N, C-alpha and C. Protein backbone atom coordinates (compact mmCIF):
# COMPACT_ATOMS: atom_id res chain seq x y z
N MET A 1 77.60 86.69 90.70
CA MET A 1 77.97 87.95 90.57
C MET A 1 79.19 88.03 91.45
N PRO A 2 80.03 88.82 91.22
CA PRO A 2 81.45 88.65 91.99
C PRO A 2 81.00 89.77 93.14
N ARG A 3 81.75 89.70 94.18
CA ARG A 3 81.71 90.60 95.11
C ARG A 3 82.74 91.58 94.94
N LYS A 4 82.42 92.94 95.26
CA LYS A 4 83.08 94.29 95.07
C LYS A 4 84.33 94.50 96.00
N LYS A 5 85.18 95.12 95.30
CA LYS A 5 86.61 95.26 96.40
C LYS A 5 86.47 96.07 97.38
N ARG A 6 85.07 96.69 97.46
CA ARG A 6 84.81 97.60 98.86
C ARG A 6 84.80 96.47 100.09
N LYS A 7 84.16 95.30 99.70
CA LYS A 7 83.70 94.06 100.63
C LYS A 7 85.21 93.63 101.05
N ILE A 8 85.82 93.28 99.89
CA ILE A 8 87.17 92.76 100.38
C ILE A 8 88.19 93.68 101.39
N ARG A 9 88.17 94.70 101.05
CA ARG A 9 88.75 95.81 101.96
C ARG A 9 88.07 95.92 103.37
N SER A 10 86.67 95.73 103.21
CA SER A 10 85.90 95.65 104.79
C SER A 10 86.26 94.29 105.32
N ASP A 11 86.14 93.44 104.87
CA ASP A 11 86.59 91.96 105.51
C ASP A 11 88.00 92.33 105.93
N LEU A 12 89.15 92.69 105.02
CA LEU A 12 90.40 92.84 105.74
C LEU A 12 90.39 93.54 106.76
N ARG A 13 89.86 94.96 106.93
CA ARG A 13 89.83 95.55 108.22
C ARG A 13 89.06 94.91 109.39
N ARG A 14 88.24 94.18 108.86
CA ARG A 14 87.66 93.48 110.11
C ARG A 14 88.38 92.37 110.59
N LEU A 15 89.29 92.04 110.03
CA LEU A 15 90.15 90.89 110.40
C LEU A 15 91.39 91.44 111.44
N GLY A 16 91.31 92.57 111.07
CA GLY A 16 92.38 93.56 111.98
C GLY A 16 93.52 94.11 111.12
N PHE A 17 93.28 93.91 109.86
CA PHE A 17 94.43 94.63 108.89
C PHE A 17 94.50 96.03 108.89
N VAL A 18 95.49 96.57 108.92
CA VAL A 18 95.74 98.10 108.95
C VAL A 18 96.13 98.72 107.35
N GLU A 19 95.53 99.57 107.07
CA GLU A 19 95.63 99.95 105.52
C GLU A 19 96.55 101.23 105.44
N SER A 20 97.25 101.20 104.14
CA SER A 20 98.31 102.12 103.86
C SER A 20 98.21 102.48 102.31
N SER A 21 98.29 103.75 101.96
CA SER A 21 98.17 103.99 100.69
C SER A 21 99.44 103.46 99.85
N GLY A 22 98.93 102.77 98.77
CA GLY A 22 100.06 102.11 97.66
C GLY A 22 100.18 103.22 96.71
N LYS A 23 100.63 102.72 95.70
CA LYS A 23 101.00 103.59 94.44
C LYS A 23 99.77 103.52 93.52
N GLY A 24 99.07 104.79 93.04
CA GLY A 24 97.83 104.71 92.26
C GLY A 24 96.71 104.45 92.89
N SER A 25 95.99 103.30 92.66
CA SER A 25 94.81 102.81 93.30
C SER A 25 95.12 101.67 93.96
N HIS A 26 96.18 101.34 94.23
CA HIS A 26 96.55 100.35 95.02
C HIS A 26 96.42 100.68 96.96
N THR A 27 96.11 99.76 97.33
CA THR A 27 95.79 99.97 98.71
C THR A 27 96.48 98.59 99.49
N ASN A 28 97.62 98.97 100.45
CA ASN A 28 98.27 97.78 101.27
C ASN A 28 97.62 97.71 102.42
N PHE A 29 97.62 96.32 102.81
CA PHE A 29 96.84 95.91 104.29
C PHE A 29 98.02 95.22 104.67
N ARG A 30 98.47 95.52 106.01
CA ARG A 30 99.23 94.79 106.86
C ARG A 30 98.73 94.32 108.26
N HIS A 31 98.98 93.17 108.41
CA HIS A 31 98.57 92.62 110.01
C HIS A 31 99.80 92.33 110.99
N PRO A 32 99.66 92.79 112.03
CA PRO A 32 100.76 92.70 113.01
C PRO A 32 101.24 91.18 113.29
N GLN A 33 100.03 90.21 112.82
CA GLN A 33 100.79 88.69 113.16
C GLN A 33 100.97 88.10 112.05
N LEU A 34 101.06 88.60 110.85
CA LEU A 34 101.25 87.94 109.63
C LEU A 34 102.41 88.65 108.79
N PRO A 35 103.28 87.85 108.57
CA PRO A 35 104.57 88.35 107.66
C PRO A 35 104.44 89.02 106.14
N TYR A 36 103.05 88.86 105.86
CA TYR A 36 102.86 89.43 104.31
C TYR A 36 102.06 90.37 104.31
N ILE A 37 102.16 91.10 103.28
CA ILE A 37 101.05 92.49 103.01
C ILE A 37 100.27 91.88 101.72
N ILE A 38 98.73 92.25 101.81
CA ILE A 38 97.83 92.22 101.13
C ILE A 38 97.83 93.25 100.13
N THR A 39 97.76 93.30 98.92
CA THR A 39 97.52 94.46 98.02
C THR A 39 96.14 94.29 97.57
N VAL A 40 95.46 95.44 97.54
CA VAL A 40 94.10 95.41 96.87
C VAL A 40 94.37 96.50 95.89
N SER A 41 94.23 96.24 94.37
CA SER A 41 93.84 97.28 93.44
C SER A 41 92.70 97.72 92.99
N GLY A 42 92.57 98.85 92.28
CA GLY A 42 91.19 99.19 91.99
C GLY A 42 90.34 100.02 92.99
N GLY A 43 89.07 100.53 92.35
CA GLY A 43 88.05 101.33 93.10
C GLY A 43 87.25 100.28 93.95
N ASP A 44 86.57 101.00 94.81
CA ASP A 44 85.52 100.35 95.68
C ASP A 44 84.50 99.79 94.94
N GLY A 45 84.04 100.25 93.72
CA GLY A 45 83.04 99.64 92.86
C GLY A 45 83.21 98.69 91.71
N ASP A 46 84.50 98.33 91.71
CA ASP A 46 85.08 97.46 91.00
C ASP A 46 85.00 95.85 91.25
N ASP A 47 84.81 94.75 90.46
CA ASP A 47 84.50 93.37 90.82
C ASP A 47 85.97 93.02 91.24
N ALA A 48 85.64 92.05 92.52
CA ALA A 48 87.04 91.44 93.01
C ALA A 48 87.50 90.35 92.17
N LYS A 49 88.62 90.08 92.20
CA LYS A 49 89.10 89.17 91.28
C LYS A 49 89.16 87.69 92.16
N PRO A 50 89.62 86.71 91.49
CA PRO A 50 89.63 85.55 92.24
C PRO A 50 90.80 85.55 93.29
N TYR A 51 91.90 86.27 93.02
CA TYR A 51 93.01 86.28 93.69
C TYR A 51 92.72 87.24 94.84
N ASP A 52 91.83 88.13 94.93
CA ASP A 52 91.46 89.00 96.16
C ASP A 52 90.65 88.04 96.99
N GLU A 53 89.95 87.19 96.33
CA GLU A 53 89.04 86.48 97.36
C GLU A 53 90.06 85.36 97.91
N ASP A 54 90.86 85.07 97.27
CA ASP A 54 92.21 83.94 97.85
C ASP A 54 92.84 84.53 98.86
N ASN A 55 93.11 85.63 98.74
CA ASN A 55 93.91 86.43 99.69
C ASN A 55 93.07 86.44 100.98
N VAL A 56 92.11 86.83 101.16
CA VAL A 56 91.42 86.92 102.11
C VAL A 56 90.94 85.71 102.93
N ARG A 57 90.65 84.58 102.08
CA ARG A 57 90.68 83.21 102.67
C ARG A 57 91.92 82.84 103.30
N ARG A 58 93.27 83.08 102.74
CA ARG A 58 94.35 82.65 103.01
C ARG A 58 94.77 83.52 104.36
N ALA A 59 94.15 84.92 104.55
CA ALA A 59 94.34 85.69 105.96
C ALA A 59 93.44 85.05 106.94
N LYS A 60 92.25 84.64 106.64
CA LYS A 60 91.47 84.21 107.55
C LYS A 60 92.12 82.88 108.01
N ARG A 61 92.46 81.69 107.26
CA ARG A 61 93.37 80.56 107.57
C ARG A 61 94.44 80.83 108.49
N ASP A 62 95.13 81.81 107.96
CA ASP A 62 96.53 82.28 108.90
C ASP A 62 96.21 82.67 110.26
N LEU A 63 95.11 83.27 110.48
CA LEU A 63 94.55 83.94 111.60
C LEU A 63 93.86 83.05 112.48
N GLY A 64 93.40 81.88 111.80
CA GLY A 64 92.59 81.11 112.88
C GLY A 64 91.15 81.61 112.92
N VAL A 65 90.65 82.22 111.90
CA VAL A 65 89.14 82.55 111.94
C VAL A 65 88.62 81.91 110.85
N LYS A 66 87.17 81.56 111.03
CA LYS A 66 86.51 80.77 110.14
C LYS A 66 85.51 81.48 109.33
C-alpha cells in the first residue's frame, strides 16, 4: 500500500524544506541548501506517486541524511 501525500509533505518539512502555495492543489517546497524546488500535487489523503518517493530520496541524498 503506497504512502499518503501527507507523509511526503511531513518528510519534506522534517528535512528542513519550507512550503509555499502553488497553483491549485500544488505545494512547492524549497530548501535553503538545495538549488531545486520539489512540487507535491494533490490532497493529503491521496496516494503518493513513485516520483514523490523519488523526490524525497533525492533530497535526503543531497542533504546527506540517511
